[in-house]
Amino acid sequence: MAGFNDIIHQPSRLQIMAALVSLRSSEKADFAYLKKLLDLTDGNLGAHLTRLEEAGYIKIEKTFIARKPRTFINITGKGRDAFTEHIGTLKEIIESKGRQNE
């Protein structure tokens, strides 16, 4: 079996990665958007984003817009590859269970 990824597999991080992988490579997600979409607290989302950033799966950009701090997140190529591999592994598990039940 290929790459079951313990970093991505955690439910909140899996949801973050799924939201980010759905964007075009040039697009970024706003911290507030992810927070609302996933119903996470600032601290919880921040901790998960830090873990994903440390793994090289996402890039975090902090900036100011109209004097207000804004945080934008986008997925890296390494992150896309890791997510694709992880999802492929989950599909393999599902398919093998289906074959066992035949």
PDB file of N, CA and C in Angstrom:
ATOM      1  N   MET A   1       0.847  -1.174   0.000  1.00  0.00           N
ATOM      2  CA  MET A   1       0.000   0.000   0.000  1.00  0.00           C
ATOM      3  C   MET A   1       0.895   1.241   0.000  1.00  0.00           C
ATOM      4  N   ALA A   2       0.495   2.228  -0.724  1.00  0.00           N
ATOM      5  CA  ALA A   2       1.306   3.443  -0.908  1.00  0.00           C
ATOM      6  C   ALA A   2       1.412   4.253   0.375  1.00  0.00           C
ATOM      7  N   GLY A   3       1.069   5.521   0.323  1.00  0.00           N
ATOM      8  CA  GLY A   3       1.404   6.442   1.388  1.00  0.00           C
ATOM      9  C   GLY A   3       0.290   6.888   2.305  1.00  0.00           C
ATOM     10  N   PHE A   4       0.032   6.122   3.337  1.00  0.00           N
ATOM     11  CA  PHE A   4      -0.890   6.587   4.366  1.00  0.00           C
ATOM     12  C   PHE A   4      -0.160   7.664   5.149  1.00  0.00           C
ATOM     13  N   ASN A   5      -0.726   8.860   5.206  1.00  0.00           N
ATOM     14  CA  ASN A   5      -0.025  10.015   5.745  1.00  0.00           C
ATOM     15  C   ASN A   5      -0.621  10.422   7.090  1.00  0.00           C
ATOM     16  N   ASP A   6       0.131  10.196   8.164  1.00  0.00           N
ATOM     17  CA  ASP A   6      -0.355  10.501   9.510  1.00  0.00           C
ATOM     18  C   ASP A   6      -0.581  11.994   9.739  1.00  0.00           C
ATOM     19  N   ILE A   7       0.181  12.834   9.060  1.00  0.00           N
ATOM     20  CA  ILE A   7      -0.018  14.283   9.220  1.00  0.00           C
ATOM     21  C   ILE A   7      -1.354  14.693   8.621  1.00  0.00           C
ATOM     22  N   ILE A   8      -1.619  14.246   7.415  1.00  0.00           N
ATOM     23  CA  ILE A   8      -2.860  14.624   6.728  1.00  0.00           C
ATOM     24  C   ILE A   8      -4.069  13.898   7.302  1.00  0.00           C
ATOM     25  N   HIS A   9      -3.877  12.698   7.793  1.00  0.00           N
ATOM     26  CA  HIS A   9      -5.015  11.873   8.205  1.00  0.00           C
ATOM     27  C   HIS A   9      -5.834  12.452   9.360  1.00  0.00           C
ATOM     28  N   GLN A  10      -5.231  13.258  10.198  1.00  0.00           N
ATOM     29  CA  GLN A  10      -5.980  13.866  11.310  1.00  0.00           C
ATOM     30  C   GLN A  10      -7.180  14.595  10.699  1.00  0.00           C
ATOM     31  N   PRO A  11      -8.412  14.395  11.218  1.00  0.00           N
ATOM     32  CA  PRO A  11      -9.620  14.905  10.566  1.00  0.00           C
ATOM     33  C   PRO A  11      -9.609  16.389  10.181  1.00  0.00           C
ATOM     34  N   SER A  12      -9.199  17.260  11.068  1.00  0.00           N
ATOM     35  CA  SER A  12      -9.210  18.688  10.725  1.00  0.00           C
ATOM     36  C   SER A  12      -8.188  19.001   9.640  1.00  0.00           C
ATOM     37  N   ARG A  13      -7.023  18.375   9.703  1.00  0.00           N
ATOM     38  CA  ARG A  13      -6.013  18.627   8.674  1.00  0.00           C
ATOM     39  C   ARG A  13      -6.439  18.037   7.335  1.00  0.00           C
ATOM     40  N   LEU A  14      -7.122  16.915   7.359  1.00  0.00           N
ATOM     41  CA  LEU A  14      -7.652  16.330   6.123  1.00  0.00           C
ATOM     42  C   LEU A  14      -8.659  17.287   5.487  1.00  0.00           C
ATOM     43  N   GLN A  15      -9.504  17.892   6.298  1.00  0.00           N
ATOM     44  CA  GLN A  15     -10.480  18.861   5.790  1.00  0.00           C
ATOM     45  C   GLN A  15      -9.793  20.111   5.251  1.00  0.00           C
ATOM     46  N   ILE A  16      -8.765  20.583   5.943  1.00  0.00           N
ATOM     47  CA  ILE A  16      -8.022  21.757   5.474  1.00  0.00           C
ATOM     48  C   ILE A  16      -7.401  21.450   4.119  1.00  0.00           C
ATOM     49  N   MET A  17      -6.750  20.316   4.017  1.00  0.00           N
ATOM     50  CA  MET A  17      -6.094  19.944   2.757  1.00  0.00           C
ATOM     51  C   MET A  17      -7.109  19.764   1.635  1.00  0.00           C
ATOM     52  N   ALA A  18      -8.255  19.175   1.935  1.00  0.00           N
ATOM     53  CA  ALA A  18      -9.291  19.003   0.913  1.00  0.00           C
ATOM     54  C   ALA A  18      -9.790  20.362   0.422  1.00  0.00           C
ATOM     55  N   ALA A  19      -9.962  21.301   1.343  1.00  0.00           N
ATOM     56  CA  ALA A  19     -10.409  22.641   0.948  1.00  0.00           C
ATOM     57  C   ALA A  19      -9.351  23.323   0.086  1.00  0.00           C
ATOM     58  N   LEU A  20      -8.091  23.170   0.438  1.00  0.00           N
ATOM     59  CA  LEU A  20      -7.020  23.833  -0.307  1.00  0.00           C
ATOM     60  C   LEU A  20      -6.748  23.183  -1.655  1.00  0.00           C
ATOM     61  N   VAL A  21      -6.843  21.866  -1.726  1.00  0.00           N
ATOM     62  CA  VAL A  21      -6.571  21.173  -2.987  1.00  0.00           C
ATOM     63  C   VAL A  21      -7.659  21.482  -4.023  1.00  0.00           C
ATOM     64  N   SER A  22      -8.816  21.898  -3.559  1.00  0.00           N
ATOM     65  CA  SER A  22      -9.910  22.227  -4.488  1.00  0.00           C
ATOM     66  C   SER A  22      -9.690  23.575  -5.179  1.00  0.00           C
ATOM     67  N   LEU A  23      -8.740  24.360  -4.681  1.00  0.00           N
ATOM     68  CA  LEU A  23      -8.434  25.661  -5.278  1.00  0.00           C
ATOM     69  C   LEU A  23      -7.483  25.492  -6.463  1.00  0.00           C
ATOM     70  N   ARG A  24      -7.524  26.457  -7.383  1.00  0.00           N
ATOM     71  CA  ARG A  24      -6.522  26.484  -8.445  1.00  0.00           C
ATOM     72  C   ARG A  24      -5.167  26.779  -7.809  1.00  0.00           C
ATOM     73  N   SER A  25      -4.099  26.382  -8.466  1.00  0.00           N
ATOM     74  CA  SER A  25      -2.760  26.544  -7.879  1.00  0.00           C
ATOM     75  C   SER A  25      -2.418  28.003  -7.598  1.00  0.00           C
ATOM     76  N   SER A  26      -3.044  28.926  -8.301  1.00  0.00           N
ATOM     77  CA  SER A  26      -2.764  30.349  -8.078  1.00  0.00           C
ATOM     78  C   SER A  26      -3.644  30.967  -6.986  1.00  0.00           C
ATOM     79  N   GLU A  27      -4.629  30.224  -6.495  1.00  0.00           N
ATOM     80  CA  GLU A  27      -5.550  30.752  -5.492  1.00  0.00           C
ATOM     81  C   GLU A  27      -5.063  30.474  -4.071  1.00  0.00           C
ATOM     82  N   LYS A  28      -5.530  31.323  -3.166  1.00  0.00           N
ATOM     83  CA  LYS A  28      -5.222  31.182  -1.742  1.00  0.00           C
ATOM     84  C   LYS A  28      -6.523  31.244  -0.958  1.00  0.00           C
ATOM     85  N   ALA A  29      -6.540  30.579   0.177  1.00  0.00           N
ATOM     86  CA  ALA A  29      -7.707  30.634   1.067  1.00  0.00           C
ATOM     87  C   ALA A  29      -7.394  31.597   2.208  1.00  0.00           C
ATOM     88  N   ASP A  30      -8.379  32.331   2.602  1.00  0.00           N
ATOM     89  CA  ASP A  30      -8.269  33.249   3.733  1.00  0.00           C
ATOM     90  C   ASP A  30      -8.471  32.463   5.029  1.00  0.00           C
ATOM     91  N   PHE A  31      -7.713  32.812   6.066  1.00  0.00           N
ATOM     92  CA  PHE A  31      -7.826  32.158   7.363  1.00  0.00           C
ATOM     93  C   PHE A  31      -9.272  32.180   7.860  1.00  0.00           C
ATOM     94  N   ALA A  32      -9.917  33.333   7.759  1.00  0.00           N
ATOM     95  CA  ALA A  32     -11.293  33.465   8.251  1.00  0.00           C
ATOM     96  C   ALA A  32     -12.244  32.547   7.484  1.00  0.00           C
ATOM     97  N   TYR A  33     -12.005  32.401   6.181  1.00  0.00           N
ATOM     98  CA  TYR A  33     -12.828  31.507   5.365  1.00  0.00           C
ATOM     99  C   TYR A  33     -12.690  30.063   5.846  1.00  0.00           C
ATOM    100  N   LEU A  34     -11.448  29.611   6.041  1.00  0.00           N
ATOM    101  CA  LEU A  34     -11.229  28.240   6.513  1.00  0.00           C
ATOM    102  C   LEU A  34     -11.820  28.029   7.904  1.00  0.00           C
ATOM    103  N   LYS A  35     -11.654  29.015   8.763  1.00  0.00           N
ATOM    104  CA  LYS A  35     -12.184  28.931  10.125  1.00  0.00           C
ATOM    105  C   LYS A  35     -13.697  28.715  10.101  1.00  0.00           C
ATOM    106  N   LYS A  36     -14.378  29.481   9.273  1.00  0.00           N
ATOM    107  CA  LYS A  36     -15.837  29.369   9.177  1.00  0.00           C
ATOM    108  C   LYS A  36     -16.240  28.069   8.479  1.00  0.00           C
ATOM    109  N   LEU A  37     -15.574  27.749   7.388  1.00  0.00           N
ATOM    110  CA  LEU A  37     -15.892  26.539   6.628  1.00  0.00           C
ATOM    111  C   LEU A  37     -15.778  25.286   7.483  1.00  0.00           C
ATOM    112  N   LEU A  38     -14.730  25.226   8.295  1.00  0.00           N
ATOM    113  CA  LEU A  38     -14.441  24.015   9.064  1.00  0.00           C
ATOM    114  C   LEU A  38     -14.910  24.080  10.509  1.00  0.00           C
ATOM    115  N   ASP A  39     -15.473  25.216  10.902  1.00  0.00           N
ATOM    116  CA  ASP A  39     -15.993  25.411  12.251  1.00  0.00           C
ATOM    117  C   ASP A  39     -14.931  25.119  13.308  1.00  0.00           C
ATOM    118  N   LEU A  40     -13.770  25.785  13.143  1.00  0.00           N
ATOM    119  CA  LEU A  40     -12.667  25.634  14.081  1.00  0.00           C
ATOM    120  C   LEU A  40     -12.403  26.950  14.794  1.00  0.00           C
ATOM    121  N   THR A  41     -11.795  26.878  15.958  1.00  0.00           N
ATOM    122  CA  THR A  41     -11.396  28.096  16.659  1.00  0.00           C
ATOM    123  C   THR A  41     -10.110  28.627  16.025  1.00  0.00           C
ATOM    124  N   ASP A  42      -9.784  29.883  16.315  1.00  0.00           N
ATOM    125  CA  ASP A  42      -8.537  30.465  15.815  1.00  0.00           C
ATOM    126  C   ASP A  42      -7.338  29.613  16.214  1.00  0.00           C
ATOM    127  N   GLY A  43      -7.280  29.266  17.495  1.00  0.00           N
ATOM    128  CA  GLY A  43      -6.145  28.504  18.005  1.00  0.00           C
ATOM    129  C   GLY A  43      -6.039  27.120  17.398  1.00  0.00           C
ATOM    130  N   ASN A  44      -7.168  26.453  17.259  1.00  0.00           N
ATOM    131  CA  ASN A  44      -7.179  25.110  16.697  1.00  0.00           C
ATOM    132  C   ASN A  44      -6.742  25.141  15.237  1.00  0.00           C
ATOM    133  N   LEU A  45      -7.323  26.047  14.452  1.00  0.00           N
ATOM    134  CA  LEU A  45      -6.947  26.160  13.049  1.00  0.00           C
ATOM    135  C   LEU A  45      -5.477  26.539  12.928  1.00  0.00           C
ATOM    136  N   GLY A  46      -5.036  27.487  13.725  1.00  0.00           N
ATOM    137  CA  GLY A  46      -3.644  27.915  13.689  1.00  0.00           C
ATOM    138  C   GLY A  46      -2.675  26.779  13.968  1.00  0.00           C
ATOM    139  N   ALA A  47      -2.999  25.950  14.949  1.00  0.00           N
ATOM    140  CA  ALA A  47      -2.136  24.813  15.295  1.00  0.00           C
ATOM    141  C   ALA A  47      -2.050  23.815  14.142  1.00  0.00           C
ATOM    142  N   HIS A  48      -3.183  23.530  13.517  1.00  0.00           N
ATOM    143  CA  HIS A  48      -3.190  22.596  12.385  1.00  0.00           C
ATOM    144  C   HIS A  48      -2.428  23.174  11.193  1.00  0.00           C
ATOM    145  N   LEU A  49      -2.611  24.460  10.943  1.00  0.00           N
ATOM    146  CA  LEU A  49      -1.892  25.093   9.837  1.00  0.00           C
ATOM    147  C   LEU A  49      -0.383  25.070  10.079  1.00  0.00           C
ATOM    148  N   THR A  50       0.027  25.295  11.310  1.00  0.00           N
ATOM    149  CA  THR A  50       1.449  25.253  11.640  1.00  0.00           C
ATOM    150  C   THR A  50       2.018  23.870  11.353  1.00  0.00           C
ATOM    151  N   ARG A  51       1.297  22.851  11.740  1.00  0.00           N
ATOM    152  CA  ARG A  51       1.752  21.465  11.509  1.00  0.00           C
ATOM    153  C   ARG A  51       1.888  21.186  10.014  1.00  0.00           C
ATOM    154  N   LEU A  52       0.913  21.630   9.225  1.00  0.00           N
ATOM    155  CA  LEU A  52       0.960  21.423   7.781  1.00  0.00           C
ATOM    156  C   LEU A  52       2.079  22.240   7.136  1.00  0.00           C
ATOM    157  N   GLU A  53       2.297  23.437   7.655  1.00  0.00           N
ATOM    158  CA  GLU A  53       3.370  24.284   7.127  1.00  0.00           C
ATOM    159  C   GLU A  53       4.737  23.667   7.442  1.00  0.00           C
ATOM    160  N   GLU A  54       4.911  23.157   8.647  1.00  0.00           N
ATOM    161  CA  GLU A  54       6.176  22.522   9.030  1.00  0.00           C
ATOM    162  C   GLU A  54       6.484  21.316   8.143  1.00  0.00           C
ATOM    163  N   ALA A  55       5.443  20.636   7.675  1.00  0.00           N
ATOM    164  CA  ALA A  55       5.619  19.488   6.787  1.00  0.00           C
ATOM    165  C   ALA A  55       5.891  19.924   5.348  1.00  0.00           C
ATOM    166  N   GLY A  56       5.731  21.210   5.070  1.00  0.00           N
ATOM    167  CA  GLY A  56       5.944  21.718   3.720  1.00  0.00           C
ATOM    168  C   GLY A  56       4.744  21.549   2.804  1.00  0.00           C
ATOM    169  N   TYR A  57       3.580  21.268   3.392  1.00  0.00           N
ATOM    170  CA  TYR A  57       2.377  21.017   2.603  1.00  0.00           C
ATOM    171  C   TYR A  57       1.607  22.285   2.254  1.00  0.00           C
ATOM    172  N   ILE A  58       1.788  23.321   3.040  1.00  0.00           N
ATOM    173  CA  ILE A  58       1.111  24.585   2.773  1.00  0.00           C
ATOM    174  C   ILE A  58       2.096  25.740   2.949  1.00  0.00           C
ATOM    175  N   LYS A  59       1.714  26.875   2.408  1.00  0.00           N
ATOM    176  CA  LYS A  59       2.473  28.109   2.599  1.00  0.00           C
ATOM    177  C   LYS A  59       1.516  29.130   3.213  1.00  0.00           C
ATOM    178  N   ILE A  60       1.971  29.789   4.260  1.00  0.00           N
ATOM    179  CA  ILE A  60       1.152  30.791   4.945  1.00  0.00           C
ATOM    180  C   ILE A  60       1.745  32.164   4.663  1.00  0.00           C
ATOM    181  N   GLU A  61       0.877  33.077   4.268  1.00  0.00           N
ATOM    182  CA  GLU A  61       1.297  34.451   3.962  1.00  0.00           C
ATOM    183  C   GLU A  61       0.504  35.403   4.843  1.00  0.00           C
ATOM    184  N   LYS A  62       1.205  36.174   5.650  1.00  0.00           N
ATOM    185  CA  LYS A  62       0.546  37.163   6.514  1.00  0.00           C
ATOM    186  C   LYS A  62       0.785  38.541   5.915  1.00  0.00           C
ATOM    187  N   THR A  63      -0.288  39.307   5.829  1.00  0.00           N
ATOM    188  CA  THR A  63      -0.208  40.628   5.226  1.00  0.00           C
ATOM    189  C   THR A  63      -1.209  41.553   5.903  1.00  0.00           C
ATOM    190  N   PHE A  64      -1.220  42.802   5.485  1.00  0.00           N
ATOM    191  CA  PHE A  64      -2.196  43.766   5.981  1.00  0.00           C
ATOM    192  C   PHE A  64      -2.994  44.285   4.797  1.00  0.00           C
ATOM    193  N   ILE A  65      -4.290  44.337   4.969  1.00  0.00           N
ATOM    194  CA  ILE A  65      -5.187  44.921   3.971  1.00  0.00           C
ATOM    195  C   ILE A  65      -6.023  45.950   4.701  1.00  0.00           C
ATOM    196  N   ALA A  66      -5.944  47.191   4.235  1.00  0.00           N
ATOM    197  CA  ALA A  66      -6.632  48.305   4.894  1.00  0.00           C
ATOM    198  C   ALA A  66      -6.302  48.328   6.389  1.00  0.00           C
ATOM    199  N   ARG A  67      -5.037  48.162   6.695  1.00  0.00           N
ATOM    200  CA  ARG A  67      -4.509  48.206   8.060  1.00  0.00           C
ATOM    201  C   ARG A  67      -4.973  47.063   8.963  1.00  0.00           C
ATOM    202  N   LYS A  68      -5.585  46.063   8.369  1.00  0.00           N
ATOM    203  CA  LYS A  68      -6.045  44.904   9.148  1.00  0.00           C
ATOM    204  C   LYS A  68      -5.213  43.690   8.760  1.00  0.00           C
ATOM    205  N   PRO A  69      -4.785  42.922   9.763  1.00  0.00           N
ATOM    206  CA  PRO A  69      -3.993  41.730   9.439  1.00  0.00           C
ATOM    207  C   PRO A  69      -4.842  40.680   8.741  1.00  0.00           C
ATOM    208  N   ARG A  70      -4.261  40.064   7.721  1.00  0.00           N
ATOM    209  CA  ARG A  70      -4.937  38.992   6.991  1.00  0.00           C
ATOM    210  C   ARG A  70      -3.942  37.861   6.782  1.00  0.00           C
ATOM    211  N   THR A  71      -4.429  36.666   6.847  1.00  0.00           N
ATOM    212  CA  THR A  71      -3.602  35.484   6.640  1.00  0.00           C
ATOM    213  C   THR A  71      -4.186  34.685   5.490  1.00  0.00           C
ATOM    214  N   PHE A  72      -3.321  34.368   4.535  1.00  0.00           N
ATOM    215  CA  PHE A  72      -3.727  33.584   3.373  1.00  0.00           C
ATOM    216  C   PHE A  72      -2.916  32.298   3.330  1.00  0.00           C
ATOM    217  N   ILE A  73      -3.578  31.229   2.894  1.00  0.00           N
ATOM    218  CA  ILE A  73      -2.961  29.915   2.875  1.00  0.00           C
ATOM    219  C   ILE A  73      -3.126  29.324   1.491  1.00  0.00           C
ATOM    220  N   ASN A  74      -2.040  28.736   0.976  1.00  0.00           N
ATOM    221  CA  ASN A  74      -2.186  27.953  -0.244  1.00  0.00           C
ATOM    222  C   ASN A  74      -1.397  26.662  -0.121  1.00  0.00           C
ATOM    223  N   ILE A  75      -1.804  25.703  -0.895  1.00  0.00           N
ATOM    224  CA  ILE A  75      -1.188  24.384  -0.857  1.00  0.00           C
ATOM    225  C   ILE A  75       0.051  24.401  -1.754  1.00  0.00           C
ATOM    226  N   THR A  76       1.075  23.687  -1.346  1.00  0.00           N
ATOM    227  CA  THR A  76       2.293  23.586  -2.141  1.00  0.00           C
ATOM    228  C   THR A  76       2.193  22.367  -3.065  1.00  0.00           C
ATOM    229  N   GLY A  77       3.113  22.263  -4.003  1.00  0.00           N
ATOM    230  CA  GLY A  77       3.160  21.076  -4.855  1.00  0.00           C
ATOM    231  C   GLY A  77       3.367  19.815  -4.033  1.00  0.00           C
ATOM    232  N   LYS A  78       4.241  19.918  -3.036  1.00  0.00           N
ATOM    233  CA  LYS A  78       4.473  18.783  -2.128  1.00  0.00           C
ATOM    234  C   LYS A  78       3.185  18.409  -1.401  1.00  0.00           C
ATOM    235  N   GLY A  79       2.407  19.418  -1.002  1.00  0.00           N
ATOM    236  CA  GLY A  79       1.139  19.174  -0.318  1.00  0.00           C
ATOM    237  C   GLY A  79       0.122  18.508  -1.223  1.00  0.00           C
ATOM    238  N   ARG A  80       0.030  18.973  -2.464  1.00  0.00           N
ATOM    239  CA  ARG A  80      -0.887  18.345  -3.436  1.00  0.00           C
ATOM    240  C   ARG A  80      -0.519  16.876  -3.640  1.00  0.00           C
ATOM    241  N   ASP A  81       0.782  16.626  -3.812  1.00  0.00           N
ATOM    242  CA  ASP A  81       1.233  15.248  -4.021  1.00  0.00           C
ATOM    243  C   ASP A  81       0.925  14.372  -2.816  1.00  0.00           C
ATOM    244  N   ALA A  82       1.193  14.880  -1.614  1.00  0.00           N
ATOM    245  CA  ALA A  82       0.941  14.111  -0.395  1.00  0.00           C
ATOM    246  C   ALA A  82      -0.549  13.827  -0.226  1.00  0.00           C
ATOM    247  N   PHE A  83      -1.385  14.829  -0.512  1.00  0.00           N
ATOM    248  CA  PHE A  83      -2.834  14.646  -0.389  1.00  0.00           C
ATOM    249  C   PHE A  83      -3.322  13.604  -1.399  1.00  0.00           C
ATOM    250  N   THR A  84      -2.861  13.714  -2.636  1.00  0.00           N
ATOM    251  CA  THR A  84      -3.270  12.775  -3.684  1.00  0.00           C
ATOM    252  C   THR A  84      -2.865  11.351  -3.319  1.00  0.00           C
ATOM    253  N   GLU A  85      -1.651  11.197  -2.807  1.00  0.00           N
ATOM    254  CA  GLU A  85      -1.181   9.880  -2.408  1.00  0.00           C
ATOM    255  C   GLU A  85      -2.005   9.334  -1.237  1.00  0.00           C
ATOM    256  N   HIS A  86      -2.309  10.193  -0.268  1.00  0.00           N
ATOM    257  CA  HIS A  86      -3.095   9.772   0.891  1.00  0.00           C
ATOM    258  C   HIS A  86      -4.495   9.326   0.462  1.00  0.00           C
ATOM    259  N   ILE A  87      -5.130  10.110  -0.387  1.00  0.00           N
ATOM    260  CA  ILE A  87      -6.472   9.758  -0.869  1.00  0.00           C
ATOM    261  C   ILE A  87      -6.417   8.457  -1.670  1.00  0.00           C
ATOM    262  N   GLY A  88      -5.353   8.290  -2.460  1.00  0.00           N
ATOM    263  CA  GLY A  88      -5.181   7.040  -3.200  1.00  0.00           C
ATOM    264  C   GLY A  88      -5.086   5.844  -2.276  1.00  0.00           C
ATOM    265  N   THR A  89      -4.384   6.003  -1.178  1.00  0.00           N
ATOM    266  CA  THR A  89      -4.260   4.926  -0.192  1.00  0.00           C
ATOM    267  C   THR A  89      -5.622   4.611   0.426  1.00  0.00           C
ATOM    268  N   LEU A  90      -6.388   5.653   0.757  1.00  0.00           N
ATOM    269  CA  LEU A  90      -7.729   5.423   1.315  1.00  0.00           C
ATOM    270  C   LEU A  90      -8.617   4.689   0.308  1.00  0.00           C
ATOM    271  N   LYS A  91      -8.507   5.049  -0.965  1.00  0.00           N
ATOM    272  CA  LYS A  91      -9.292   4.360  -2.004  1.00  0.00           C
ATOM    273  C   LYS A  91      -8.885   2.899  -2.108  1.00  0.00           C
ATOM    274  N   GLU A  92      -7.578   2.627  -2.014  1.00  0.00           N
ATOM    275  CA  GLU A  92      -7.108   1.235  -2.040  1.00  0.00           C
ATOM    276  C   GLU A  92      -7.713   0.435  -0.894  1.00  0.00           C
ATOM    277  N   ILE A  93      -7.758   1.028   0.283  1.00  0.00           N
ATOM    278  CA  ILE A  93      -8.331   0.351   1.451  1.00  0.00           C
ATOM    279  C   ILE A  93      -9.808   0.041   1.199  1.00  0.00           C
ATOM    280  N   ILE A  94     -10.542   1.026   0.706  1.00  0.00           N
ATOM    281  CA  ILE A  94     -11.970   0.838   0.429  1.00  0.00           C
ATOM    282  C   ILE A  94     -12.178  -0.254  -0.611  1.00  0.00           C
ATOM    283  N   GLU A  95     -11.401  -0.201  -1.694  1.00  0.00           N
ATOM    284  CA  GLU A  95     -11.559  -1.180  -2.755  1.00  0.00           C
ATOM    285  C   GLU A  95     -11.189  -2.588  -2.297  1.00  0.00           C
ATOM    286  N   SER A  96     -10.150  -2.705  -1.461  1.00  0.00           N
ATOM    287  CA  SER A  96      -9.761  -4.041  -0.993  1.00  0.00           C
ATOM    288  C   SER A  96     -10.822  -4.613  -0.059  1.00  0.00           C
ATOM    289  N   LYS A  97     -11.448  -3.760   0.723  1.00  0.00           N
ATOM    290  CA  LYS A  97     -12.532  -4.234   1.601  1.00  0.00           C
ATOM    291  C   LYS A  97     -13.721  -4.682   0.779  1.00  0.00           C
ATOM    292  N   GLY A  98     -13.990  -3.967  -0.314  1.00  0.00           N
ATOM    293  CA  GLY A  98     -15.092  -4.343  -1.209  1.00  0.00           C
ATOM    294  C   GLY A  98     -14.845  -5.684  -1.856  1.00  0.00           C
ATOM    295  N   ARG A  99     -13.598  -5.943  -2.256  1.00  0.00           N
ATOM    296  CA  ARG A  99     -13.251  -7.236  -2.880  1.00  0.00           C
ATOM    297  C   ARG A  99     -13.353  -8.373  -1.865  1.00  0.00           C
ATOM    298  N   GLN A 100     -13.040  -8.087  -0.607  1.00  0.00           N
ATOM    299  CA  GLN A 100     -13.122  -9.129   0.434  1.00  0.00           C
ATOM    300  C   GLN A 100     -14.564  -9.527   0.682  1.00  0.00           C
ATOM    301  N   ASN A 101     -15.489  -8.611   0.466  1.00  0.00           N
ATOM    302  CA  ASN A 101     -16.896  -8.876   0.743  1.00  0.00           C
ATOM    303  C   ASN A 101     -17.603  -9.546  -0.425  1.00  0.00           C
ATOM    304  N   GLU A 102     -16.895  -9.774  -1.537  1.00  0.00           N
ATOM    305  CA  GLU A 102     -17.540 -10.398  -2.707  1.00  0.00           C
ATOM    306  C   GLU A 102     -17.589 -11.887  -2.564  1.00  0.00           C
TER     307      GLU A 102
END
